[in-house]
Amino acid sequence: MTIQVVKMAKDRAYSRYTREAAALLAKQVQLGRKRRKWTERELADRAGISRATLQKIEKGDLSVAIGIESWVLKERGRIPVSWMS
């Protein structure tokens, strides 16, 4: 029997401004989804991410890469596609 050891990354210290920005972004994604009457699954499918990742975004989880969050915003139609390049 082989035992695999996985080390967890250390928790990062984020500034208050970073946490506030993540919370604001999270609320915008969630409100936009609800305004369009999309389920979490529908938006996740449109953005090409898992529902679990979308839930992290909507909770303001800072472990989600900003590129994924930008893609979700684009799918919601909140930022110009030109920002994505």
PDB file of N, CA and C in Angstrom:
ATOM      1  N   MET A   1       0.842  -1.179   0.000  1.00  0.00           N
ATOM      2  CA  MET A   1       0.000   0.000   0.000  1.00  0.00           C
ATOM      3  C   MET A   1       0.888   1.242   0.000  1.00  0.00           C
ATOM      4  N   THR A   2       0.591   2.189  -0.899  1.00  0.00           N
ATOM      5  CA  THR A   2       1.355   3.423  -1.001  1.00  0.00           C
ATOM      6  C   THR A   2       0.558   4.554  -0.374  1.00  0.00           C
ATOM      7  N   ILE A   3       1.234   5.336   0.433  1.00  0.00           N
ATOM      8  CA  ILE A   3       0.602   6.500   1.056  1.00  0.00           C
ATOM      9  C   ILE A   3       1.175   7.743   0.398  1.00  0.00           C
ATOM     10  N   GLN A   4       0.287   8.576  -0.078  1.00  0.00           N
ATOM     11  CA  GLN A   4       0.715   9.811  -0.721  1.00  0.00           C
ATOM     12  C   GLN A   4       0.510  10.967   0.249  1.00  0.00           C
ATOM     13  N   VAL A   5       1.544  11.767   0.410  1.00  0.00           N
ATOM     14  CA  VAL A   5       1.467  12.921   1.291  1.00  0.00           C
ATOM     15  C   VAL A   5       1.330  14.168   0.439  1.00  0.00           C
ATOM     16  N   VAL A   6       0.320  14.961   0.739  1.00  0.00           N
ATOM     17  CA  VAL A   6       0.097  16.197   0.009  1.00  0.00           C
ATOM     18  C   VAL A   6       0.233  17.351   0.986  1.00  0.00           C
ATOM     19  N   LYS A   7       1.118  18.273   0.672  1.00  0.00           N
ATOM     20  CA  LYS A   7       1.306  19.448   1.528  1.00  0.00           C
ATOM     21  C   LYS A   7       0.348  20.546   1.078  1.00  0.00           C
ATOM     22  N   MET A   8      -0.296  21.155   2.024  1.00  0.00           N
ATOM     23  CA  MET A   8      -1.210  22.247   1.729  1.00  0.00           C
ATOM     24  C   MET A   8      -0.413  23.548   1.648  1.00  0.00           C
ATOM     25  N   ALA A   9      -0.811  24.402   0.731  1.00  0.00           N
ATOM     26  CA  ALA A   9      -0.167  25.711   0.620  1.00  0.00           C
ATOM     27  C   ALA A   9      -0.462  26.518   1.871  1.00  0.00           C
ATOM     28  N   LYS A  10       0.489  27.339   2.252  1.00  0.00           N
ATOM     29  CA  LYS A  10       0.287  28.191   3.426  1.00  0.00           C
ATOM     30  C   LYS A  10      -0.801  29.217   3.131  1.00  0.00           C
ATOM     31  N   ASP A  11      -1.548  29.555   4.165  1.00  0.00           N
ATOM     32  CA  ASP A  11      -2.549  30.601   4.010  1.00  0.00           C
ATOM     33  C   ASP A  11      -1.838  31.912   3.709  1.00  0.00           C
ATOM     34  N   ARG A  12      -2.375  32.652   2.777  1.00  0.00           N
ATOM     35  CA  ARG A  12      -1.800  33.934   2.433  1.00  0.00           C
ATOM     36  C   ARG A  12      -2.465  35.023   3.245  1.00  0.00           C
ATOM     37  N   ALA A  13      -1.721  36.052   3.515  1.00  0.00           N
ATOM     38  CA  ALA A  13      -2.281  37.215   4.204  1.00  0.00           C
ATOM     39  C   ALA A  13      -2.704  38.218   3.126  1.00  0.00           C
ATOM     40  N   TYR A  14      -3.982  38.476   3.019  1.00  0.00           N
ATOM     41  CA  TYR A  14      -4.488  39.421   2.043  1.00  0.00           C
ATOM     42  C   TYR A  14      -4.838  40.732   2.729  1.00  0.00           C
ATOM     43  N   SER A  15      -4.649  41.821   2.027  1.00  0.00           N
ATOM     44  CA  SER A  15      -4.981  43.127   2.593  1.00  0.00           C
ATOM     45  C   SER A  15      -6.496  43.269   2.718  1.00  0.00           C
ATOM     46  N   ARG A  16      -6.890  44.216   3.523  1.00  0.00           N
ATOM     47  CA  ARG A  16      -8.315  44.502   3.694  1.00  0.00           C
ATOM     48  C   ARG A  16      -8.937  44.890   2.358  1.00  0.00           C
ATOM     49  N   TYR A  17      -8.194  45.643   1.541  1.00  0.00           N
ATOM     50  CA  TYR A  17      -8.697  46.087   0.248  1.00  0.00           C
ATOM     51  C   TYR A  17      -8.906  44.907  -0.702  1.00  0.00           C
ATOM     52  N   THR A  18      -8.007  43.952  -0.657  1.00  0.00           N
ATOM     53  CA  THR A  18      -8.142  42.766  -1.498  1.00  0.00           C
ATOM     54  C   THR A  18      -9.374  41.972  -1.096  1.00  0.00           C
ATOM     55  N   ARG A  19      -9.556  41.794   0.206  1.00  0.00           N
ATOM     56  CA  ARG A  19     -10.728  41.054   0.689  1.00  0.00           C
ATOM     57  C   ARG A  19     -12.029  41.774   0.328  1.00  0.00           C
ATOM     58  N   GLU A  20     -12.025  43.110   0.451  1.00  0.00           N
ATOM     59  CA  GLU A  20     -13.217  43.883   0.105  1.00  0.00           C
ATOM     60  C   GLU A  20     -13.513  43.805  -1.393  1.00  0.00           C
ATOM     61  N   ALA A  21     -12.469  43.857  -2.216  1.00  0.00           N
ATOM     62  CA  ALA A  21     -12.650  43.754  -3.666  1.00  0.00           C
ATOM     63  C   ALA A  21     -13.207  42.384  -4.044  1.00  0.00           C
ATOM     64  N   ALA A  22     -12.701  41.338  -3.403  1.00  0.00           N
ATOM     65  CA  ALA A  22     -13.198  39.983  -3.676  1.00  0.00           C
ATOM     66  C   ALA A  22     -14.661  39.860  -3.270  1.00  0.00           C
ATOM     67  N   ALA A  23     -15.023  40.460  -2.148  1.00  0.00           N
ATOM     68  CA  ALA A  23     -16.412  40.411  -1.681  1.00  0.00           C
ATOM     69  C   ALA A  23     -17.333  41.168  -2.639  1.00  0.00           C
ATOM     70  N   LEU A  24     -16.872  42.314  -3.135  1.00  0.00           N
ATOM     71  CA  LEU A  24     -17.660  43.094  -4.080  1.00  0.00           C
ATOM     72  C   LEU A  24     -17.837  42.337  -5.396  1.00  0.00           C
ATOM     73  N   LEU A  25     -16.771  41.774  -5.893  1.00  0.00           N
ATOM     74  CA  LEU A  25     -16.836  40.977  -7.118  1.00  0.00           C
ATOM     75  C   LEU A  25     -17.775  39.792  -6.937  1.00  0.00           C
ATOM     76  N   ALA A  26     -17.682  39.130  -5.800  1.00  0.00           N
ATOM     77  CA  ALA A  26     -18.541  37.981  -5.508  1.00  0.00           C
ATOM     78  C   ALA A  26     -20.009  38.377  -5.563  1.00  0.00           C
ATOM     79  N   LYS A  27     -20.327  39.510  -4.951  1.00  0.00           N
ATOM     80  CA  LYS A  27     -21.718  39.975  -4.921  1.00  0.00           C
ATOM     81  C   LYS A  27     -22.204  40.326  -6.324  1.00  0.00           C
ATOM     82  N   GLN A  28     -21.342  40.943  -7.127  1.00  0.00           N
ATOM     83  CA  GLN A  28     -21.716  41.298  -8.491  1.00  0.00           C
ATOM     84  C   GLN A  28     -22.027  40.063  -9.330  1.00  0.00           C
ATOM     85  N   VAL A  29     -21.199  39.043  -9.204  1.00  0.00           N
ATOM     86  CA  VAL A  29     -21.423  37.806  -9.952  1.00  0.00           C
ATOM     87  C   VAL A  29     -22.752  37.171  -9.522  1.00  0.00           C
ATOM     88  N   GLN A  30     -22.944  37.090  -8.216  1.00  0.00           N
ATOM     89  CA  GLN A  30     -24.162  36.457  -7.706  1.00  0.00           C
ATOM     90  C   GLN A  30     -25.414  37.246  -8.102  1.00  0.00           C
ATOM     91  N   LEU A  31     -25.381  38.561  -7.950  1.00  0.00           N
ATOM     92  CA  LEU A  31     -26.550  39.373  -8.311  1.00  0.00           C
ATOM     93  C   LEU A  31     -26.851  39.283  -9.804  1.00  0.00           C
ATOM     94  N   GLY A  32     -25.817  39.317 -10.627  1.00  0.00           N
ATOM     95  CA  GLY A  32     -26.023  39.212 -12.068  1.00  0.00           C
ATOM     96  C   GLY A  32     -26.629  37.882 -12.463  1.00  0.00           C
ATOM     97  N   ARG A  33     -26.151  36.829 -11.828  1.00  0.00           N
ATOM     98  CA  ARG A  33     -26.704  35.493 -12.115  1.00  0.00           C
ATOM     99  C   ARG A  33     -28.173  35.434 -11.724  1.00  0.00           C
ATOM    100  N   LYS A  34     -28.485  35.931 -10.550  1.00  0.00           N
ATOM    101  CA  LYS A  34     -29.871  35.882 -10.078  1.00  0.00           C
ATOM    102  C   LYS A  34     -30.777  36.792 -10.901  1.00  0.00           C
ATOM    103  N   ARG A  35     -30.257  37.946 -11.317  1.00  0.00           N
ATOM    104  CA  ARG A  35     -31.033  38.873 -12.137  1.00  0.00           C
ATOM    105  C   ARG A  35     -31.432  38.215 -13.454  1.00  0.00           C
ATOM    106  N   ARG A  36     -30.560  37.378 -13.978  1.00  0.00           N
ATOM    107  CA  ARG A  36     -30.848  36.679 -15.232  1.00  0.00           C
ATOM    108  C   ARG A  36     -31.619  35.375 -15.002  1.00  0.00           C
ATOM    109  N   LYS A  37     -31.858  35.076 -13.742  1.00  0.00           N
ATOM    110  CA  LYS A  37     -32.573  33.857 -13.348  1.00  0.00           C
ATOM    111  C   LYS A  37     -31.857  32.603 -13.819  1.00  0.00           C
ATOM    112  N   TRP A  38     -30.514  32.659 -13.758  1.00  0.00           N
ATOM    113  CA  TRP A  38     -29.697  31.498 -14.080  1.00  0.00           C
ATOM    114  C   TRP A  38     -29.395  30.735 -12.808  1.00  0.00           C
ATOM    115  N   THR A  39     -29.365  29.443 -12.904  1.00  0.00           N
ATOM    116  CA  THR A  39     -28.918  28.634 -11.776  1.00  0.00           C
ATOM    117  C   THR A  39     -27.390  28.686 -11.727  1.00  0.00           C
ATOM    118  N   GLU A  40     -26.844  28.218 -10.615  1.00  0.00           N
ATOM    119  CA  GLU A  40     -25.385  28.125 -10.515  1.00  0.00           C
ATOM    120  C   GLU A  40     -24.847  27.235 -11.626  1.00  0.00           C
ATOM    121  N   ARG A  41     -25.540  26.147 -11.885  1.00  0.00           N
ATOM    122  CA  ARG A  41     -25.112  25.200 -12.919  1.00  0.00           C
ATOM    123  C   ARG A  41     -25.085  25.871 -14.292  1.00  0.00           C
ATOM    124  N   GLU A  42     -26.114  26.673 -14.607  1.00  0.00           N
ATOM    125  CA  GLU A  42     -26.168  27.325 -15.917  1.00  0.00           C
ATOM    126  C   GLU A  42     -24.992  28.282 -16.120  1.00  0.00           C
ATOM    127  N   LEU A  43     -24.708  29.111 -15.130  1.00  0.00           N
ATOM    128  CA  LEU A  43     -23.595  30.046 -15.274  1.00  0.00           C
ATOM    129  C   LEU A  43     -22.262  29.307 -15.303  1.00  0.00           C
ATOM    130  N   ALA A  44     -22.123  28.305 -14.464  1.00  0.00           N
ATOM    131  CA  ALA A  44     -20.883  27.517 -14.459  1.00  0.00           C
ATOM    132  C   ALA A  44     -20.658  26.873 -15.827  1.00  0.00           C
ATOM    133  N   ASP A  45     -21.705  26.313 -16.397  1.00  0.00           N
ATOM    134  CA  ASP A  45     -21.587  25.693 -17.729  1.00  0.00           C
ATOM    135  C   ASP A  45     -21.217  26.728 -18.782  1.00  0.00           C
ATOM    136  N   ARG A  46     -21.843  27.896 -18.742  1.00  0.00           N
ATOM    137  CA  ARG A  46     -21.531  28.955 -19.705  1.00  0.00           C
ATOM    138  C   ARG A  46     -20.073  29.414 -19.579  1.00  0.00           C
ATOM    139  N   ALA A  47     -19.581  29.454 -18.352  1.00  0.00           N
ATOM    140  CA  ALA A  47     -18.213  29.928 -18.101  1.00  0.00           C
ATOM    141  C   ALA A  47     -17.181  28.813 -18.256  1.00  0.00           C
ATOM    142  N   GLY A  48     -17.642  27.571 -18.374  1.00  0.00           N
ATOM    143  CA  GLY A  48     -16.717  26.455 -18.530  1.00  0.00           C
ATOM    144  C   GLY A  48     -15.969  26.105 -17.258  1.00  0.00           C
ATOM    145  N   ILE A  49     -16.641  26.304 -16.128  1.00  0.00           N
ATOM    146  CA  ILE A  49     -16.042  25.983 -14.830  1.00  0.00           C
ATOM    147  C   ILE A  49     -16.985  25.066 -14.066  1.00  0.00           C
ATOM    148  N   SER A  50     -16.494  24.508 -12.986  1.00  0.00           N
ATOM    149  CA  SER A  50     -17.354  23.649 -12.171  1.00  0.00           C
ATOM    150  C   SER A  50     -18.278  24.512 -11.305  1.00  0.00           C
ATOM    151  N   ARG A  51     -19.352  23.921 -10.885  1.00  0.00           N
ATOM    152  CA  ARG A  51     -20.281  24.613  -9.980  1.00  0.00           C
ATOM    153  C   ARG A  51     -19.578  24.961  -8.680  1.00  0.00           C
ATOM    154  N   ALA A  52     -18.697  24.078  -8.220  1.00  0.00           N
ATOM    155  CA  ALA A  52     -17.947  24.320  -6.979  1.00  0.00           C
ATOM    156  C   ALA A  52     -17.068  25.565  -7.114  1.00  0.00           C
ATOM    157  N   THR A  53     -16.452  25.750  -8.280  1.00  0.00           N
ATOM    158  CA  THR A  53     -15.619  26.941  -8.493  1.00  0.00           C
ATOM    159  C   THR A  53     -16.480  28.191  -8.500  1.00  0.00           C
ATOM    160  N   LEU A  54     -17.650  28.121  -9.143  1.00  0.00           N
ATOM    161  CA  LEU A  54     -18.559  29.267  -9.136  1.00  0.00           C
ATOM    162  C   LEU A  54     -18.983  29.601  -7.709  1.00  0.00           C
ATOM    163  N   GLN A  55     -19.263  28.592  -6.925  1.00  0.00           N
ATOM    164  CA  GLN A  55     -19.655  28.836  -5.538  1.00  0.00           C
ATOM    165  C   GLN A  55     -18.533  29.543  -4.776  1.00  0.00           C
ATOM    166  N   LYS A  56     -17.290  29.155  -5.050  1.00  0.00           N
ATOM    167  CA  LYS A  56     -16.150  29.833  -4.408  1.00  0.00           C
ATOM    168  C   LYS A  56     -16.100  31.294  -4.835  1.00  0.00           C
ATOM    169  N   ILE A  57     -16.319  31.553  -6.120  1.00  0.00           N
ATOM    170  CA  ILE A  57     -16.313  32.927  -6.619  1.00  0.00           C
ATOM    171  C   ILE A  57     -17.398  33.737  -5.922  1.00  0.00           C
ATOM    172  N   GLU A  58     -18.597  33.162  -5.813  1.00  0.00           N
ATOM    173  CA  GLU A  58     -19.719  33.874  -5.202  1.00  0.00           C
ATOM    174  C   GLU A  58     -19.567  34.042  -3.696  1.00  0.00           C
ATOM    175  N   LYS A  59     -18.637  33.327  -3.104  1.00  0.00           N
ATOM    176  CA  LYS A  59     -18.335  33.499  -1.675  1.00  0.00           C
ATOM    177  C   LYS A  59     -17.143  34.427  -1.454  1.00  0.00           C
ATOM    178  N   GLY A  60     -16.514  34.858  -2.552  1.00  0.00           N
ATOM    179  CA  GLY A  60     -15.358  35.736  -2.432  1.00  0.00           C
ATOM    180  C   GLY A  60     -14.087  35.008  -2.045  1.00  0.00           C
ATOM    181  N   ASP A  61     -14.041  33.720  -2.317  1.00  0.00           N
ATOM    182  CA  ASP A  61     -12.876  32.894  -1.991  1.00  0.00           C
ATOM    183  C   ASP A  61     -11.681  33.357  -2.817  1.00  0.00           C
ATOM    184  N   LEU A  62     -10.628  33.765  -2.152  1.00  0.00           N
ATOM    185  CA  LEU A  62      -9.458  34.315  -2.829  1.00  0.00           C
ATOM    186  C   LEU A  62      -8.557  33.253  -3.449  1.00  0.00           C
ATOM    187  N   SER A  63      -8.918  31.996  -3.324  1.00  0.00           N
ATOM    188  CA  SER A  63      -8.101  30.948  -3.940  1.00  0.00           C
ATOM    189  C   SER A  63      -8.419  30.773  -5.426  1.00  0.00           C
ATOM    190  N   VAL A  64      -9.496  31.408  -5.899  1.00  0.00           N
ATOM    191  CA  VAL A  64      -9.887  31.299  -7.302  1.00  0.00           C
ATOM    192  C   VAL A  64      -9.064  32.299  -8.121  1.00  0.00           C
ATOM    193  N   ALA A  65      -8.513  31.831  -9.222  1.00  0.00           N
ATOM    194  CA  ALA A  65      -7.684  32.690 -10.072  1.00  0.00           C
ATOM    195  C   ALA A  65      -8.511  33.808 -10.683  1.00  0.00           C
ATOM    196  N   ILE A  66      -7.934  34.975 -10.775  1.00  0.00           N
ATOM    197  CA  ILE A  66      -8.644  36.130 -11.314  1.00  0.00           C
ATOM    198  C   ILE A  66      -9.055  35.918 -12.764  1.00  0.00           C
ATOM    199  N   GLY A  67      -8.309  35.115 -13.518  1.00  0.00           N
ATOM    200  CA  GLY A  67      -8.684  34.832 -14.900  1.00  0.00           C
ATOM    201  C   GLY A  67     -10.021  34.134 -14.991  1.00  0.00           C
ATOM    202  N   ILE A  68     -10.280  33.236 -14.067  1.00  0.00           N
ATOM    203  CA  ILE A  68     -11.568  32.540 -14.046  1.00  0.00           C
ATOM    204  C   ILE A  68     -12.677  33.523 -13.698  1.00  0.00           C
ATOM    205  N   GLU A  69     -12.428  34.386 -12.712  1.00  0.00           N
ATOM    206  CA  GLU A  69     -13.445  35.355 -12.325  1.00  0.00           C
ATOM    207  C   GLU A  69     -13.752  36.298 -13.481  1.00  0.00           C
ATOM    208  N   SER A  70     -12.729  36.708 -14.220  1.00  0.00           N
ATOM    209  CA  SER A  70     -12.936  37.586 -15.371  1.00  0.00           C
ATOM    210  C   SER A  70     -13.786  36.902 -16.430  1.00  0.00           C
ATOM    211  N   TRP A  71     -13.540  35.624 -16.647  1.00  0.00           N
ATOM    212  CA  TRP A  71     -14.311  34.871 -17.630  1.00  0.00           C
ATOM    213  C   TRP A  71     -15.782  34.807 -17.216  1.00  0.00           C
ATOM    214  N   VAL A  72     -16.034  34.577 -15.943  1.00  0.00           N
ATOM    215  CA  VAL A  72     -17.412  34.520 -15.455  1.00  0.00           C
ATOM    216  C   VAL A  72     -18.082  35.879 -15.664  1.00  0.00           C
ATOM    217  N   LEU A  73     -17.373  36.966 -15.378  1.00  0.00           N
ATOM    218  CA  LEU A  73     -17.934  38.296 -15.595  1.00  0.00           C
ATOM    219  C   LEU A  73     -18.251  38.518 -17.074  1.00  0.00           C
ATOM    220  N   LYS A  74     -17.367  38.063 -17.951  1.00  0.00           N
ATOM    221  CA  LYS A  74     -17.618  38.210 -19.385  1.00  0.00           C
ATOM    222  C   LYS A  74     -18.892  37.470 -19.771  1.00  0.00           C
ATOM    223  N   GLU A  75     -19.056  36.256 -19.232  1.00  0.00           N
ATOM    224  CA  GLU A  75     -20.255  35.472 -19.538  1.00  0.00           C
ATOM    225  C   GLU A  75     -21.512  36.169 -19.039  1.00  0.00           C
ATOM    226  N   ARG A  76     -21.388  36.930 -17.986  1.00  0.00           N
ATOM    227  CA  ARG A  76     -22.523  37.689 -17.463  1.00  0.00           C
ATOM    228  C   ARG A  76     -22.759  38.949 -18.275  1.00  0.00           C
ATOM    229  N   GLY A  77     -21.804  39.290 -19.166  1.00  0.00           N
ATOM    230  CA  GLY A  77     -21.964  40.483 -19.966  1.00  0.00           C
ATOM    231  C   GLY A  77     -21.634  41.767 -19.229  1.00  0.00           C
ATOM    232  N   ARG A  78     -20.842  41.680 -18.159  1.00  0.00           N
ATOM    233  CA  ARG A  78     -20.545  42.858 -17.345  1.00  0.00           C
ATOM    234  C   ARG A  78     -19.277  43.592 -17.777  1.00  0.00           C
ATOM    235  N   ILE A  79     -18.371  42.925 -18.486  1.00  0.00           N
ATOM    236  CA  ILE A  79     -17.164  43.617 -18.929  1.00  0.00           C
ATOM    237  C   ILE A  79     -16.976  43.362 -20.408  1.00  0.00           C
ATOM    238  N   PRO A  80     -16.392  44.305 -21.116  1.00  0.00           N
ATOM    239  CA  PRO A  80     -16.193  44.122 -22.551  1.00  0.00           C
ATOM    240  C   PRO A  80     -15.279  42.925 -22.840  1.00  0.00           C
ATOM    241  N   VAL A  81     -15.571  42.241 -23.914  1.00  0.00           N
ATOM    242  CA  VAL A  81     -14.761  41.092 -24.320  1.00  0.00           C
ATOM    243  C   VAL A  81     -13.318  41.511 -24.543  1.00  0.00           C
ATOM    244  N   SER A  82     -13.097  42.760 -24.981  1.00  0.00           N
ATOM    245  CA  SER A  82     -11.730  43.234 -25.247  1.00  0.00           C
ATOM    246  C   SER A  82     -10.882  43.196 -23.995  1.00  0.00           C
ATOM    247  N   TRP A  83     -11.472  43.255 -22.813  1.00  0.00           N
ATOM    248  CA  TRP A  83     -10.716  43.168 -21.563  1.00  0.00           C
ATOM    249  C   TRP A  83     -10.149  41.783 -21.372  1.00  0.00           C
ATOM    250  N   MET A  84     -10.721  40.797 -22.057  1.00  0.00           N
ATOM    251  CA  MET A  84     -10.322  39.405 -21.847  1.00  0.00           C
ATOM    252  C   MET A  84      -9.069  39.034 -22.615  1.00  0.00           C
ATOM    253  N   SER A  85      -8.611  39.885 -23.541  1.00  0.00           N
ATOM    254  CA  SER A  85      -7.438  39.522 -24.329  1.00  0.00           C
ATOM    255  C   SER A  85      -6.153  39.958 -23.692  1.00  0.00           C
TER     256      SER A  85
END
